[in-house]
mmCIF file of all heavy atoms, coordinates in Angstrom:
data_MODEL
# 
_entry.id   MODEL 
# 
loop_
_atom_site.group_PDB 
_atom_site.id 
_atom_site.type_symbol 
_atom_site.label_atom_id 
_atom_site.label_alt_id 
_atom_site.label_comp_id 
_atom_site.label_asym_id 
_atom_site.label_entity_id 
_atom_site.label_seq_id 
_atom_site.pdbx_PDB_ins_code 
_atom_site.Cartn_x 
_atom_site.Cartn_y 
_atom_site.Cartn_z 
_atom_site.occupancy 
_atom_site.B_iso_or_equiv 
_atom_site.pdbx_formal_charge 
_atom_site.auth_seq_id 
_atom_site.auth_comp_id 
_atom_site.auth_asym_id 
_atom_site.auth_atom_id 
_atom_site.pdbx_PDB_model_num 
ATOM 1   N N   . LEU A 1 1  ? 18.430 56.925 23.978 1.00 0.00 ? 1  LEU A N   1 
ATOM 2   C CA  . LEU A 1 1  ? 18.280 55.867 22.987 1.00 0.00 ? 1  LEU A CA  1 
ATOM 3   C C   . LEU A 1 1  ? 16.821 55.705 22.590 1.00 0.00 ? 1  LEU A C   1 
ATOM 4   O O   . LEU A 1 1  ? 16.503 55.462 21.417 1.00 0.00 ? 1  LEU A O   1 
ATOM 5   C CB  . LEU A 1 1  ? 18.840 54.551 23.539 1.00 0.00 ? 1  LEU A CB  1 
ATOM 6   C CG  . LEU A 1 1  ? 20.363 54.512 23.717 1.00 0.00 ? 1  LEU A CG  1 
ATOM 7   C CD1 . LEU A 1 1  ? 20.774 53.267 24.494 1.00 0.00 ? 1  LEU A CD1 1 
ATOM 8   C CD2 . LEU A 1 1  ? 21.070 54.578 22.364 1.00 0.00 ? 1  LEU A CD2 1 
ATOM 9   N N   . TRP A 1 2  ? 15.934 55.837 23.577 1.00 0.00 ? 2  TRP A N   1 
ATOM 10  C CA  . TRP A 1 2  ? 14.502 55.785 23.274 1.00 0.00 ? 2  TRP A CA  1 
ATOM 11  C C   . TRP A 1 2  ? 14.094 56.945 22.368 1.00 0.00 ? 2  TRP A C   1 
ATOM 12  O O   . TRP A 1 2  ? 13.347 56.767 21.392 1.00 0.00 ? 2  TRP A O   1 
ATOM 13  C CB  . TRP A 1 2  ? 13.696 55.825 24.577 1.00 0.00 ? 2  TRP A CB  1 
ATOM 14  C CG  . TRP A 1 2  ? 12.244 56.134 24.348 1.00 0.00 ? 2  TRP A CG  1 
ATOM 15  C CD1 . TRP A 1 2  ? 11.279 55.276 23.905 1.00 0.00 ? 2  TRP A CD1 1 
ATOM 16  C CD2 . TRP A 1 2  ? 11.607 57.400 24.514 1.00 0.00 ? 2  TRP A CD2 1 
ATOM 17  N NE1 . TRP A 1 2  ? 10.074 55.932 23.800 1.00 0.00 ? 2  TRP A NE1 1 
ATOM 18  C CE2 . TRP A 1 2  ? 10.251 57.222 24.164 1.00 0.00 ? 2  TRP A CE2 1 
ATOM 19  C CE3 . TRP A 1 2  ? 12.042 58.658 24.928 1.00 0.00 ? 2  TRP A CE3 1 
ATOM 20  C CZ2 . TRP A 1 2  ? 9.325  58.287 24.223 1.00 0.00 ? 2  TRP A CZ2 1 
ATOM 21  C CZ3 . TRP A 1 2  ? 11.130 59.707 24.991 1.00 0.00 ? 2  TRP A CZ3 1 
ATOM 22  C CH2 . TRP A 1 2  ? 9.797  59.519 24.633 1.00 0.00 ? 2  TRP A CH2 1 
ATOM 23  N N   . ALA A 1 3  ? 14.580 58.156 22.668 1.00 0.00 ? 3  ALA A N   1 
ATOM 24  C CA  . ALA A 1 3  ? 14.235 59.337 21.880 1.00 0.00 ? 3  ALA A CA  1 
ATOM 25  C C   . ALA A 1 3  ? 14.699 59.178 20.429 1.00 0.00 ? 3  ALA A C   1 
ATOM 26  O O   . ALA A 1 3  ? 13.979 59.534 19.485 1.00 0.00 ? 3  ALA A O   1 
ATOM 27  C CB  . ALA A 1 3  ? 14.846 60.588 22.497 1.00 0.00 ? 3  ALA A CB  1 
ATOM 28  N N   . VAL A 1 4  ? 15.882 58.627 20.240 1.00 0.00 ? 4  VAL A N   1 
ATOM 29  C CA  . VAL A 1 4  ? 16.391 58.395 18.881 1.00 0.00 ? 4  VAL A CA  1 
ATOM 30  C C   . VAL A 1 4  ? 15.493 57.421 18.137 1.00 0.00 ? 4  VAL A C   1 
ATOM 31  O O   . VAL A 1 4  ? 15.137 57.632 16.969 1.00 0.00 ? 4  VAL A O   1 
ATOM 32  C CB  . VAL A 1 4  ? 17.844 57.867 18.927 1.00 0.00 ? 4  VAL A CB  1 
ATOM 33  C CG1 . VAL A 1 4  ? 18.279 57.355 17.559 1.00 0.00 ? 4  VAL A CG1 1 
ATOM 34  C CG2 . VAL A 1 4  ? 18.788 58.958 19.414 1.00 0.00 ? 4  VAL A CG2 1 
ATOM 35  N N   . ASP A 1 5  ? 15.099 56.350 18.808 1.00 0.00 ? 5  ASP A N   1 
ATOM 36  C CA  . ASP A 1 5  ? 14.242 55.339 18.189 1.00 0.00 ? 5  ASP A CA  1 
ATOM 37  C C   . ASP A 1 5  ? 12.900 55.932 17.778 1.00 0.00 ? 5  ASP A C   1 
ATOM 38  O O   . ASP A 1 5  ? 12.405 55.700 16.669 1.00 0.00 ? 5  ASP A O   1 
ATOM 39  C CB  . ASP A 1 5  ? 14.043 54.172 19.162 1.00 0.00 ? 5  ASP A CB  1 
ATOM 40  C CG  . ASP A 1 5  ? 13.328 53.002 18.515 1.00 0.00 ? 5  ASP A CG  1 
ATOM 41  O OD1 . ASP A 1 5  ? 13.698 52.626 17.390 1.00 0.00 ? 5  ASP A OD1 1 
ATOM 42  O OD2 . ASP A 1 5  ? 12.391 52.463 19.131 1.00 0.00 ? 5  ASP A OD2 1 
ATOM 43  N N   . GLU A 1 6  ? 12.303 56.736 18.673 1.00 0.00 ? 6  GLU A N   1 
ATOM 44  C CA  . GLU A 1 6  ? 11.007 57.334 18.362 1.00 0.00 ? 6  GLU A CA  1 
ATOM 45  C C   . GLU A 1 6  ? 11.131 58.385 17.257 1.00 0.00 ? 6  GLU A C   1 
ATOM 46  O O   . GLU A 1 6  ? 10.232 58.525 16.412 1.00 0.00 ? 6  GLU A O   1 
ATOM 47  C CB  . GLU A 1 6  ? 10.401 57.968 19.622 1.00 0.00 ? 6  GLU A CB  1 
ATOM 48  C CG  . GLU A 1 6  ? 10.055 56.964 20.716 1.00 0.00 ? 6  GLU A CG  1 
ATOM 49  C CD  . GLU A 1 6  ? 9.113  55.877 20.244 1.00 0.00 ? 6  GLU A CD  1 
ATOM 50  O OE1 . GLU A 1 6  ? 8.103  56.212 19.589 1.00 0.00 ? 6  GLU A OE1 1 
ATOM 51  O OE2 . GLU A 1 6  ? 9.387  54.688 20.502 1.00 0.00 ? 6  GLU A OE2 1 
ATOM 52  N N   . ALA A 1 7  ? 12.233 59.143 17.256 1.00 0.00 ? 7  ALA A N   1 
ATOM 53  C CA  . ALA A 1 7  ? 12.447 60.135 16.207 1.00 0.00 ? 7  ALA A CA  1 
ATOM 54  C C   . ALA A 1 7  ? 12.534 59.457 14.843 1.00 0.00 ? 7  ALA A C   1 
ATOM 55  O O   . ALA A 1 7  ? 12.022 59.974 13.835 1.00 0.00 ? 7  ALA A O   1 
ATOM 56  C CB  . ALA A 1 7  ? 13.717 60.934 16.493 1.00 0.00 ? 7  ALA A CB  1 
ATOM 57  N N   . ARG A 1 8  ? 13.181 58.304 14.799 1.00 0.00 ? 8  ARG A N   1 
ATOM 58  C CA  . ARG A 1 8  ? 13.272 57.568 13.533 1.00 0.00 ? 8  ARG A CA  1 
ATOM 59  C C   . ARG A 1 8  ? 11.904 57.067 13.084 1.00 0.00 ? 8  ARG A C   1 
ATOM 60  O O   . ARG A 1 8  ? 11.592 57.078 11.885 1.00 0.00 ? 8  ARG A O   1 
ATOM 61  C CB  . ARG A 1 8  ? 14.248 56.408 13.692 1.00 0.00 ? 8  ARG A CB  1 
ATOM 62  C CG  . ARG A 1 8  ? 15.713 56.857 13.677 1.00 0.00 ? 8  ARG A CG  1 
ATOM 63  C CD  . ARG A 1 8  ? 16.640 55.707 13.925 1.00 0.00 ? 8  ARG A CD  1 
ATOM 64  N NE  . ARG A 1 8  ? 18.037 56.077 13.683 1.00 0.00 ? 8  ARG A NE  1 
ATOM 65  C CZ  . ARG A 1 8  ? 19.063 55.471 14.232 1.00 0.00 ? 8  ARG A CZ  1 
ATOM 66  N NH1 . ARG A 1 8  ? 18.861 54.446 15.049 1.00 0.00 ? 8  ARG A NH1 1 
ATOM 67  N NH2 . ARG A 1 8  ? 20.293 55.868 13.961 1.00 0.00 ? 8  ARG A NH2 1 
ATOM 68  N N   . LYS A 1 9  ? 11.093 56.626 14.023 1.00 0.00 ? 9  LYS A N   1 
ATOM 69  C CA  . LYS A 1 9  ? 9.743  56.179 13.670 1.00 0.00 ? 9  LYS A CA  1 
ATOM 70  C C   . LYS A 1 9  ? 8.934  57.322 13.070 1.00 0.00 ? 9  LYS A C   1 
ATOM 71  O O   . LYS A 1 9  ? 8.073  57.103 12.204 1.00 0.00 ? 9  LYS A O   1 
ATOM 72  C CB  . LYS A 1 9  ? 9.034  55.622 14.911 1.00 0.00 ? 9  LYS A CB  1 
ATOM 73  C CG  . LYS A 1 9  ? 9.605  54.322 15.432 1.00 0.00 ? 9  LYS A CG  1 
ATOM 74  C CD  . LYS A 1 9  ? 8.901  53.905 16.724 1.00 0.00 ? 9  LYS A CD  1 
ATOM 75  C CE  . LYS A 1 9  ? 9.517  52.631 17.300 1.00 0.00 ? 9  LYS A CE  1 
ATOM 76  N NZ  . LYS A 1 9  ? 8.894  52.265 18.615 1.00 0.00 ? 9  LYS A NZ  1 
ATOM 77  N N   . ALA A 1 10 ? 9.199  58.535 13.556 1.00 0.00 ? 10 ALA A N   1 
ATOM 78  C CA  . ALA A 1 10 ? 8.501  59.710 13.037 1.00 0.00 ? 10 ALA A CA  1 
ATOM 79  C C   . ALA A 1 10 ? 9.162  60.257 11.780 1.00 0.00 ? 10 ALA A C   1 
ATOM 80  O O   . ALA A 1 10 ? 8.738  61.282 11.256 1.00 0.00 ? 10 ALA A O   1 
ATOM 81  C CB  . ALA A 1 10 ? 8.448  60.800 14.108 1.00 0.00 ? 10 ALA A CB  1 
ATOM 82  N N   . ARG A 1 11 ? 10.242 59.588 11.317 1.00 0.00 ? 11 ARG A N   1 
ATOM 83  C CA  . ARG A 1 11 ? 10.986 59.987 10.117 1.00 0.00 ? 11 ARG A CA  1 
ATOM 84  C C   . ARG A 1 11 ? 11.576 61.378 10.286 1.00 0.00 ? 11 ARG A C   1 
ATOM 85  O O   . ARG A 1 11 ? 11.511 62.222 9.393  1.00 0.00 ? 11 ARG A O   1 
ATOM 86  C CB  . ARG A 1 11 ? 10.088 59.909 8.882  1.00 0.00 ? 11 ARG A CB  1 
ATOM 87  C CG  . ARG A 1 11 ? 9.625  58.496 8.553  1.00 0.00 ? 11 ARG A CG  1 
ATOM 88  C CD  . ARG A 1 11 ? 8.431  58.437 7.639  1.00 0.00 ? 11 ARG A CD  1 
ATOM 89  N NE  . ARG A 1 11 ? 8.619  59.296 6.475  1.00 0.00 ? 11 ARG A NE  1 
ATOM 90  C CZ  . ARG A 1 11 ? 7.615  59.968 5.901  1.00 0.00 ? 11 ARG A CZ  1 
ATOM 91  N NH1 . ARG A 1 11 ? 6.384  59.872 6.391  1.00 0.00 ? 11 ARG A NH1 1 
ATOM 92  N NH2 . ARG A 1 11 ? 7.847  60.713 4.841  1.00 0.00 ? 11 ARG A NH2 1 
ATOM 93  N N   . ALA A 1 12 ? 12.156 61.614 11.452 1.00 0.00 ? 12 ALA A N   1 
ATOM 94  C CA  . ALA A 1 12 ? 12.779 62.908 11.734 1.00 0.00 ? 12 ALA A CA  1 
ATOM 95  C C   . ALA A 1 12 ? 14.118 63.025 11.015 1.00 0.00 ? 12 ALA A C   1 
ATOM 96  O O   . ALA A 1 12 ? 14.846 62.049 10.857 1.00 0.00 ? 12 ALA A O   1 
ATOM 97  C CB  . ALA A 1 12 ? 12.983 63.076 13.232 1.00 0.00 ? 12 ALA A CB  1 
ATOM 98  N N   . ASP A 1 13 ? 14.437 64.251 10.612 1.00 0.00 ? 13 ASP A N   1 
ATOM 99  C CA  . ASP A 1 13 ? 15.746 64.537 10.028 1.00 0.00 ? 13 ASP A CA  1 
ATOM 100 C C   . ASP A 1 13 ? 16.753 64.937 11.090 1.00 0.00 ? 13 ASP A C   1 
ATOM 101 O O   . ASP A 1 13 ? 17.969 64.850 10.863 1.00 0.00 ? 13 ASP A O   1 
ATOM 102 C CB  . ASP A 1 13 ? 15.632 65.672 9.003  1.00 0.00 ? 13 ASP A CB  1 
ATOM 103 C CG  . ASP A 1 13 ? 14.770 65.293 7.815  1.00 0.00 ? 13 ASP A CG  1 
ATOM 104 O OD1 . ASP A 1 13 ? 15.003 64.218 7.241  1.00 0.00 ? 13 ASP A OD1 1 
ATOM 105 O OD2 . ASP A 1 13 ? 13.852 66.068 7.471  1.00 0.00 ? 13 ASP A OD2 1 
ATOM 106 N N   . GLY A 1 14 ? 16.272 65.396 12.238 1.00 0.00 ? 14 GLY A N   1 
ATOM 107 C CA  . GLY A 1 14 ? 17.174 65.823 13.289 1.00 0.00 ? 14 GLY A CA  1 
ATOM 108 C C   . GLY A 1 14 ? 16.441 66.039 14.593 1.00 0.00 ? 14 GLY A C   1 
ATOM 109 O O   . GLY A 1 14 ? 15.207 66.121 14.629 1.00 0.00 ? 14 GLY A O   1 
ATOM 110 N N   . ILE A 1 15 ? 17.220 66.108 15.684 1.00 0.00 ? 15 ILE A N   1 
ATOM 111 C CA  . ILE A 1 15 ? 16.673 66.313 17.023 1.00 0.00 ? 15 ILE A CA  1 
ATOM 112 C C   . ILE A 1 15 ? 17.053 67.709 17.513 1.00 0.00 ? 15 ILE A C   1 
ATOM 113 O O   . ILE A 1 15 ? 18.217 68.111 17.426 1.00 0.00 ? 15 ILE A O   1 
ATOM 114 C CB  . ILE A 1 15 ? 17.191 65.246 18.003 1.00 0.00 ? 15 ILE A CB  1 
ATOM 115 C CG1 . ILE A 1 15 ? 16.489 63.909 17.756 1.00 0.00 ? 15 ILE A CG1 1 
ATOM 116 C CG2 . ILE A 1 15 ? 16.989 65.679 19.451 1.00 0.00 ? 15 ILE A CG2 1 
ATOM 117 C CD1 . ILE A 1 15 ? 16.956 62.790 18.653 1.00 0.00 ? 15 ILE A CD1 1 
ATOM 118 N N   . LEU A 1 16 ? 16.070 68.412 18.016 1.00 0.00 ? 16 LEU A N   1 
ATOM 119 C CA  . LEU A 1 16 ? 16.285 69.711 18.647 1.00 0.00 ? 16 LEU A CA  1 
ATOM 120 C C   . LEU A 1 16 ? 16.106 69.541 20.148 1.00 0.00 ? 16 LEU A C   1 
ATOM 121 O O   . LEU A 1 16 ? 14.993 69.311 20.613 1.00 0.00 ? 16 LEU A O   1 
ATOM 122 C CB  . LEU A 1 16 ? 15.286 70.732 18.099 1.00 0.00 ? 16 LEU A CB  1 
ATOM 123 C CG  . LEU A 1 16 ? 15.188 72.074 18.826 1.00 0.00 ? 16 LEU A CG  1 
ATOM 124 C CD1 . LEU A 1 16 ? 16.491 72.851 18.721 1.00 0.00 ? 16 LEU A CD1 1 
ATOM 125 C CD2 . LEU A 1 16 ? 14.023 72.898 18.284 1.00 0.00 ? 16 LEU A CD2 1 
ATOM 126 N N   . PHE A 1 17 ? 17.211 69.575 20.912 1.00 0.00 ? 17 PHE A N   1 
ATOM 127 C CA  . PHE A 1 17 ? 17.119 69.470 22.359 1.00 0.00 ? 17 PHE A CA  1 
ATOM 128 C C   . PHE A 1 17 ? 17.074 70.893 22.919 1.00 0.00 ? 17 PHE A C   1 
ATOM 129 O O   . PHE A 1 17 ? 18.077 71.599 22.958 1.00 0.00 ? 17 PHE A O   1 
ATOM 130 C CB  . PHE A 1 17 ? 18.306 68.707 22.953 1.00 0.00 ? 17 PHE A CB  1 
ATOM 131 C CG  . PHE A 1 17 ? 18.075 68.290 24.389 1.00 0.00 ? 17 PHE A CG  1 
ATOM 132 C CD1 . PHE A 1 17 ? 17.785 66.978 24.711 1.00 0.00 ? 17 PHE A CD1 1 
ATOM 133 C CD2 . PHE A 1 17 ? 18.116 69.233 25.408 1.00 0.00 ? 17 PHE A CD2 1 
ATOM 134 C CE1 . PHE A 1 17 ? 17.565 66.600 26.024 1.00 0.00 ? 17 PHE A CE1 1 
ATOM 135 C CE2 . PHE A 1 17 ? 17.876 68.869 26.725 1.00 0.00 ? 17 PHE A CE2 1 
ATOM 136 C CZ  . PHE A 1 17 ? 17.600 67.544 27.036 1.00 0.00 ? 17 PHE A CZ  1 
ATOM 137 N N   . ALA A 1 18 ? 15.887 71.317 23.331 1.00 0.00 ? 18 ALA A N   1 
ATOM 138 C CA  . ALA A 1 18 ? 15.678 72.689 23.788 1.00 0.00 ? 18 ALA A CA  1 
ATOM 139 C C   . ALA A 1 18 ? 15.270 72.684 25.258 1.00 0.00 ? 18 ALA A C   1 
ATOM 140 O O   . ALA A 1 18 ? 14.494 71.833 25.695 1.00 0.00 ? 18 ALA A O   1 
ATOM 141 C CB  . ALA A 1 18 ? 14.593 73.360 22.947 1.00 0.00 ? 18 ALA A CB  1 
ATOM 142 N N   . PHE A 1 19 ? 15.811 73.632 25.998 1.00 0.00 ? 19 PHE A N   1 
ATOM 143 C CA  . PHE A 1 19 ? 15.470 73.709 27.415 1.00 0.00 ? 19 PHE A CA  1 
ATOM 144 C C   . PHE A 1 19 ? 15.648 75.138 27.903 1.00 0.00 ? 19 PHE A C   1 
ATOM 145 O O   . PHE A 1 19 ? 16.410 75.920 27.338 1.00 0.00 ? 19 PHE A O   1 
ATOM 146 C CB  . PHE A 1 19 ? 16.327 72.746 28.247 1.00 0.00 ? 19 PHE A CB  1 
ATOM 147 C CG  . PHE A 1 19 ? 17.807 72.942 28.077 1.00 0.00 ? 19 PHE A CG  1 
ATOM 148 C CD1 . PHE A 1 19 ? 18.528 73.749 28.946 1.00 0.00 ? 19 PHE A CD1 1 
ATOM 149 C CD2 . PHE A 1 19 ? 18.486 72.334 27.030 1.00 0.00 ? 19 PHE A CD2 1 
ATOM 150 C CE1 . PHE A 1 19 ? 19.894 73.930 28.782 1.00 0.00 ? 19 PHE A CE1 1 
ATOM 151 C CE2 . PHE A 1 19 ? 19.850 72.505 26.862 1.00 0.00 ? 19 PHE A CE2 1 
ATOM 152 C CZ  . PHE A 1 19 ? 20.560 73.317 27.744 1.00 0.00 ? 19 PHE A CZ  1 
ATOM 153 N N   . HIS A 1 20 ? 14.926 75.449 28.973 1.00 0.00 ? 20 HIS A N   1 
ATOM 154 C CA  . HIS A 1 20 ? 15.007 76.779 29.555 1.00 0.00 ? 20 HIS A CA  1 
ATOM 155 C C   . HIS A 1 20 ? 16.312 76.967 30.319 1.00 0.00 ? 20 HIS A C   1 
ATOM 156 O O   . HIS A 1 20 ? 16.784 76.058 31.002 1.00 0.00 ? 20 HIS A O   1 
ATOM 157 C CB  . HIS A 1 20 ? 13.850 77.009 30.541 1.00 0.00 ? 20 HIS A CB  1 
ATOM 158 C CG  . HIS A 1 20 ? 12.530 77.130 29.880 1.00 0.00 ? 20 HIS A CG  1 
ATOM 159 N ND1 . HIS A 1 20 ? 12.256 78.094 28.961 1.00 0.00 ? 20 HIS A ND1 1 
ATOM 160 C CD2 . HIS A 1 20 ? 11.380 76.405 30.019 1.00 0.00 ? 20 HIS A CD2 1 
ATOM 161 C CE1 . HIS A 1 20 ? 11.005 77.965 28.558 1.00 0.00 ? 20 HIS A CE1 1 
ATOM 162 N NE2 . HIS A 1 20 ? 10.457 76.950 29.179 1.00 0.00 ? 20 HIS A NE2 1 
ATOM 163 N N   . TRP A 1 21 ? 16.860 78.163 30.243 1.00 0.00 ? 21 TRP A N   1 
ATOM 164 C CA  . TRP A 1 21 ? 17.954 78.529 31.130 1.00 0.00 ? 21 TRP A CA  1 
ATOM 165 C C   . TRP A 1 21 ? 17.428 78.451 32.564 1.00 0.00 ? 21 TRP A C   1 
ATOM 166 O O   . TRP A 1 21 ? 16.372 78.988 32.881 1.00 0.00 ? 21 TRP A O   1 
ATOM 167 C CB  . TRP A 1 21 ? 18.437 79.946 30.821 1.00 0.00 ? 21 TRP A CB  1 
ATOM 168 C CG  . TRP A 1 21 ? 19.605 80.350 31.652 1.00 0.00 ? 21 TRP A CG  1 
ATOM 169 C CD1 . TRP A 1 21 ? 20.913 80.075 31.410 1.00 0.00 ? 21 TRP A CD1 1 
ATOM 170 C CD2 . TRP A 1 21 ? 19.562 81.099 32.863 1.00 0.00 ? 21 TRP A CD2 1 
ATOM 171 N NE1 . TRP A 1 21 ? 21.700 80.593 32.397 1.00 0.00 ? 21 TRP A NE1 1 
ATOM 172 C CE2 . TRP A 1 21 ? 20.897 81.236 33.313 1.00 0.00 ? 21 TRP A CE2 1 
ATOM 173 C CE3 . TRP A 1 21 ? 18.548 81.660 33.632 1.00 0.00 ? 21 TRP A CE3 1 
ATOM 174 C CZ2 . TRP A 1 21 ? 21.234 81.918 34.472 1.00 0.00 ? 21 TRP A CZ2 1 
ATOM 175 C CZ3 . TRP A 1 21 ? 18.871 82.338 34.793 1.00 0.00 ? 21 TRP A CZ3 1 
ATOM 176 C CH2 . TRP A 1 21 ? 20.202 82.461 35.198 1.00 0.00 ? 21 TRP A CH2 1 
ATOM 177 N N   . GLY A 1 22 ? 18.131 77.758 33.406 1.00 0.00 ? 22 GLY A N   1 
ATOM 178 C CA  . GLY A 1 22 ? 17.678 77.581 34.782 1.00 0.00 ? 22 GLY A CA  1 
ATOM 179 C C   . GLY A 1 22 ? 17.096 76.209 35.050 1.00 0.00 ? 22 GLY A C   1 
ATOM 180 O O   . GLY A 1 22 ? 16.825 75.859 36.189 1.00 0.00 ? 22 GLY A O   1 
ATOM 181 N N   . CYS A 1 23 ? 16.895 75.390 33.982 1.00 0.00 ? 23 CYS A N   1 
ATOM 182 C CA  . CYS A 1 23 ? 16.365 74.043 34.178 1.00 0.00 ? 23 CYS A CA  1 
ATOM 183 C C   . CYS A 1 23 ? 17.540 73.096 34.445 1.00 0.00 ? 23 CYS A C   1 
ATOM 184 O O   . CYS A 1 23 ? 18.198 72.621 33.520 1.00 0.00 ? 23 CYS A O   1 
ATOM 185 C CB  . CYS A 1 23 ? 15.590 73.591 32.948 1.00 0.00 ? 23 CYS A CB  1 
ATOM 186 S SG  . CYS A 1 23 ? 14.732 72.032 33.177 1.00 0.00 ? 23 CYS A SG  1 
ATOM 187 N N   . ASN A 1 24 ? 17.821 72.847 35.707 1.00 0.00 ? 24 ASN A N   1 
ATOM 188 C CA  . ASN A 1 24 ? 19.056 72.171 36.099 1.00 0.00 ? 24 ASN A CA  1 
ATOM 189 C C   . ASN A 1 24 ? 19.245 70.797 35.456 1.00 0.00 ? 24 ASN A C   1 
ATOM 190 O O   . ASN A 1 24 ? 20.305 70.495 34.901 1.00 0.00 ? 24 ASN A O   1 
ATOM 191 C CB  . ASN A 1 24 ? 19.098 72.020 37.625 1.00 0.00 ? 24 ASN A CB  1 
ATOM 192 C CG  . ASN A 1 24 ? 19.158 73.353 38.325 1.00 0.00 ? 24 ASN A CG  1 
ATOM 193 O OD1 . ASN A 1 24 ? 19.614 74.332 37.764 1.00 0.00 ? 24 ASN A OD1 1 
ATOM 194 N ND2 . ASN A 1 24 ? 18.669 73.394 39.558 1.00 0.00 ? 24 ASN A ND2 1 
ATOM 195 N N   . TYR A 1 25 ? 18.233 69.953 35.540 1.00 0.00 ? 25 TYR A N   1 
ATOM 196 C CA  . TYR A 1 25 ? 18.409 68.582 35.058 1.00 0.00 ? 25 TYR A CA  1 
ATOM 197 C C   . TYR A 1 25 ? 18.548 68.535 33.546 1.00 0.00 ? 25 TYR A C   1 
ATOM 198 O O   . TYR A 1 25 ? 19.425 67.842 33.002 1.00 0.00 ? 25 TYR A O   1 
ATOM 199 C CB  . TYR A 1 25 ? 17.240 67.717 35.519 1.00 0.00 ? 25 TYR A CB  1 
ATOM 200 C CG  . TYR A 1 25 ? 17.393 66.276 35.104 1.00 0.00 ? 25 TYR A CG  1 
ATOM 201 C CD1 . TYR A 1 25 ? 18.444 65.504 35.593 1.00 0.00 ? 25 TYR A CD1 1 
ATOM 202 C CD2 . TYR A 1 25 ? 16.516 65.694 34.206 1.00 0.00 ? 25 TYR A CD2 1 
ATOM 203 C CE1 . TYR A 1 25 ? 18.602 64.189 35.197 1.00 0.00 ? 25 TYR A CE1 1 
ATOM 204 C CE2 . TYR A 1 25 ? 16.669 64.374 33.805 1.00 0.00 ? 25 TYR A CE2 1 
ATOM 205 C CZ  . TYR A 1 25 ? 17.713 63.625 34.305 1.00 0.00 ? 25 TYR A CZ  1 
ATOM 206 O OH  . TYR A 1 25 ? 17.868 62.331 33.911 1.00 0.00 ? 25 TYR A OH  1 
# 
């Protein structure tokens, strides 16, 4: 919810959730 709020403040069009293979959490 925090990430969405900050993305809107930055006037983002979309969120890219990227992570390494092997990053468990």
